[in-house]
């Protein structure tokens, strides 16, 4: 089971998902947000702790927020299909 630290502006979550990728973790965190959460241009996903634009390194997965939103909508579309 992977433990991911996911950060985007005011959103900081630690999430554990079996057999997951950084994108899976970012989408799961996006699904768990509310209207008061503020996103950055990027999601920073790392197994070693929270990262942001100041301390991300080559092991940090940096994913554009729009890509996370698109993946979320794609997942929702697939759920609705028979």
Protein backbone atom coordinates (compact mmCIF):
# COMPACT_ATOMS: atom_id res chain seq x y z
CA UNK A 1 0.00 0.00 0.00
CA UNK A 2 1.38 3.37 -1.01
CA UNK A 3 1.26 6.35 1.34
CA UNK A 4 1.16 9.63 -0.52
CA UNK A 5 1.51 13.20 0.70
CA UNK A 6 -0.52 15.43 -1.61
CA UNK A 7 -0.40 19.24 -1.58
CA UNK A 8 -1.91 22.00 -3.70
CA UNK A 9 -2.13 25.46 -2.10
CA UNK A 10 -4.46 25.11 0.94
CA UNK A 11 -5.05 21.40 0.34
CA UNK A 12 -2.77 19.01 2.25
CA UNK A 13 -3.76 15.37 2.64
CA UNK A 14 -2.00 12.13 3.47
CA UNK A 15 -3.63 9.24 1.66
CA UNK A 16 -2.99 5.51 1.48
CA UNK A 17 -4.28 3.61 -1.52
CA UNK A 18 -3.43 0.05 -2.52
CA UNK A 19 -1.62 -0.26 -5.89
CA UNK A 20 -1.89 3.44 -6.66
CA UNK A 21 -0.03 5.95 -8.78
CA UNK A 22 0.62 9.60 -7.92
CA UNK A 23 -2.25 10.53 -10.27
CA UNK A 24 -4.61 8.16 -8.41
CA UNK A 25 -3.65 9.86 -5.15
CA UNK A 26 -4.16 13.36 -6.58
CA UNK A 27 -7.58 12.44 -7.97
CA UNK A 28 -8.62 10.86 -4.65
CA UNK A 29 -7.63 14.03 -2.80
CA UNK A 30 -9.48 16.17 -5.38
CA UNK A 31 -12.63 14.07 -4.81
CA UNK A 32 -12.33 14.75 -1.06
CA UNK A 33 -12.23 18.55 -1.28
CA UNK A 34 -14.93 21.15 -0.70
CA UNK A 35 -15.77 24.63 -1.93
CA UNK A 36 -13.44 26.26 0.62
CA UNK A 37 -10.29 24.50 -0.64
CA UNK A 38 -8.03 26.52 -2.93
CA UNK A 39 -5.88 24.81 -5.55
CA UNK A 40 -2.56 25.79 -6.99
CA UNK A 41 -1.65 25.36 -10.65
CA UNK A 42 -0.06 22.03 -9.67
CA UNK A 43 -0.54 19.07 -7.33
CA UNK A 44 2.67 17.96 -5.60
CA UNK A 45 2.66 14.25 -4.74
CA UNK A 46 5.46 12.59 -2.79
CA UNK A 47 5.99 9.57 -0.54
CA UNK A 48 8.47 11.42 1.71
CA UNK A 49 6.35 14.30 2.97
CA UNK A 50 4.56 17.41 1.77
CA UNK A 51 6.24 19.31 -1.07
CA UNK A 52 5.49 22.52 -2.91
CA UNK A 53 7.14 24.71 -5.53
CA UNK A 54 9.90 25.68 -3.07
CA UNK A 55 11.03 22.22 -1.99
CA UNK A 56 9.93 19.80 -4.73
CA UNK A 57 12.77 17.77 -6.18
CA UNK A 58 13.28 15.19 -8.91
CA UNK A 59 11.42 12.51 -6.91
CA UNK A 60 8.33 14.68 -6.40
CA UNK A 61 5.54 14.07 -8.88
CA UNK A 62 4.27 17.45 -10.10
CA UNK A 63 0.91 17.16 -11.85
CA UNK A 64 -0.99 20.04 -13.43
CA UNK A 65 -4.26 20.66 -11.62
CA UNK A 66 -6.18 20.72 -14.90
CA UNK A 67 -4.89 17.23 -15.68
CA UNK A 68 -6.14 16.00 -12.28
CA UNK A 69 -9.56 17.56 -12.92
CA UNK A 70 -9.72 16.00 -16.39
CA UNK A 71 -8.85 12.57 -14.94
CA UNK A 72 -11.51 13.01 -12.25
CA UNK A 73 -14.16 13.74 -14.91
CA UNK A 74 -12.97 10.79 -17.01
CA UNK A 75 -13.29 8.49 -13.98
CA UNK A 76 -16.79 9.82 -13.30
CA UNK A 77 -17.77 9.27 -16.93
CA UNK A 78 -16.53 5.67 -16.78
CA UNK A 79 -18.51 5.04 -13.57
CA UNK A 80 -21.68 6.08 -15.36
CA UNK A 81 -21.16 3.65 -18.23
CA UNK A 82 -22.84 0.21 -18.06
